[in-house]
Amino acid sequence: MRLRVTLLLLWLALTLTASFSVWRISMREGLARIEVQGASDLRLASDRLVAALLQFREVAVLAADHPDVVALAQSFAQEGRAGGAWRDEAVSLTLQRLADHAGARDIWLIAPDGAVLAGPPDAPAHVDISRALTRAVQGATGSDHFVDPATGQRLFTFAAPVFAPEGGVIAIVRLRLRAGDVEAEGRGNPVPVWFTDRDGVSFLTNRTDLVLTSERATHPDPQSYPAGAIAPRAPWVTRQLAGRMVISGHGSLIGPGLEVTRALPVIDMTGHALALADPVLRSARLAALSTAAGILALGAVLLALWERRRALALANAALEMRVAARTAELSAANEELRRTQAELVQAGKLAALSQMSSCISHELSQPVMAISS
């Protein structure tokens, strides 16, 4: 009984060890696989986003080279504000047609001092020079993103310099587009993807509950985000599985999964993706249970064979004992039979001797009686 309990405990320990090893190996390989897949999904989403944004930047550059735009900017540069009203409706219509064709919200032509030379009908007469416009004034292509305080829309801005024929920046073309127009293609992706700026704000994402959320406690740049525009996001809940840190959050990031990141210096953002680990957890759990079931089934078969062999051994021992007992009984019976047979032979000899003695006595008694007579 003690041996049986010891073997059972050892077999259970072997089952647990093998199941845990299989679970750990399956988990490690599965997490590595989904990390590669998540990185691939993030790379595709990032390349699609960057390509879309660069197309809009090229539209701004092309608009800056338009002859009507260059002519208007050159006239303003030569005559300045003394020339009167410089708001040109024909150039504004041309820029709006370019914006409609490209899918942008609007395109403006702005003087280096902030005067609006052409743009949408509701454009003010003067704008503040933002970061993107500052880059354009310096002769480079600039970009920026912000939340429009009037409409609450997320907007991207690309600014391209307008150069005079003899050189020098004489105006700026500013193109604005809605963030939703460039993130719409990724909304069917099953992997949550979001892009954060230098302030840690999720500005672009394929999940609506991640729009304008941030894990940081500090408020971002007020020039880009008005007060109340950013919603706090609950911090990650992390746990270690097979040597990897698996995270869980809320909403679209409920997880568990692996966070994959990728720097995007072209648009000054960082891409993030959550590679969901639920399939890996189920697969590893199923592999561990299958291993445990297989080992326990093998143990049950071995135990049945061992019990059968043990029963056969006990049966053979019982049979040998019965055969030995029967053999002893037969030997005793044979010995008794031999003894009885010897006694019968001896009795037969005595009977024959007695009969012969009677015959001799009879034969001798007749002559004696005759002589006596």
Foldseek 3Di string as FASTA:
>chain_A
DVVVVVVVVVLVVVLVVVLVVLLLVLLVVLQVVLLVVQVVVLVVLVVLLLVLVVVVLVLQVVLLVDPVLLVLLVVCLVCPCVVDQQADAVNQVVQQVSCVVSVFPKKWKAFLQFATNHIDPPDDRGDDQDPQNVCQQVQDKGKDWAQDPVPRFTKIKIKHFRAHPVGHGRIIMITIHTLCVSQVVVLVPLKWKFKAAPQQFGCHTSDPVRHQEHQDPDDDDCVRYPPPSHHYFDDWDWDARSNDIFTAGDDSRRARFDKDWDADVVNRIIMIIGSHCVVSSVVSNVSSVVSSVVSVVVVVVVVVVVVVVVVVVVVVVVVVVVVVVVVVVVVVVVVVVVVVVVVVVVVVVVVVVVVVVVVVVVVVVVVVVVVVD
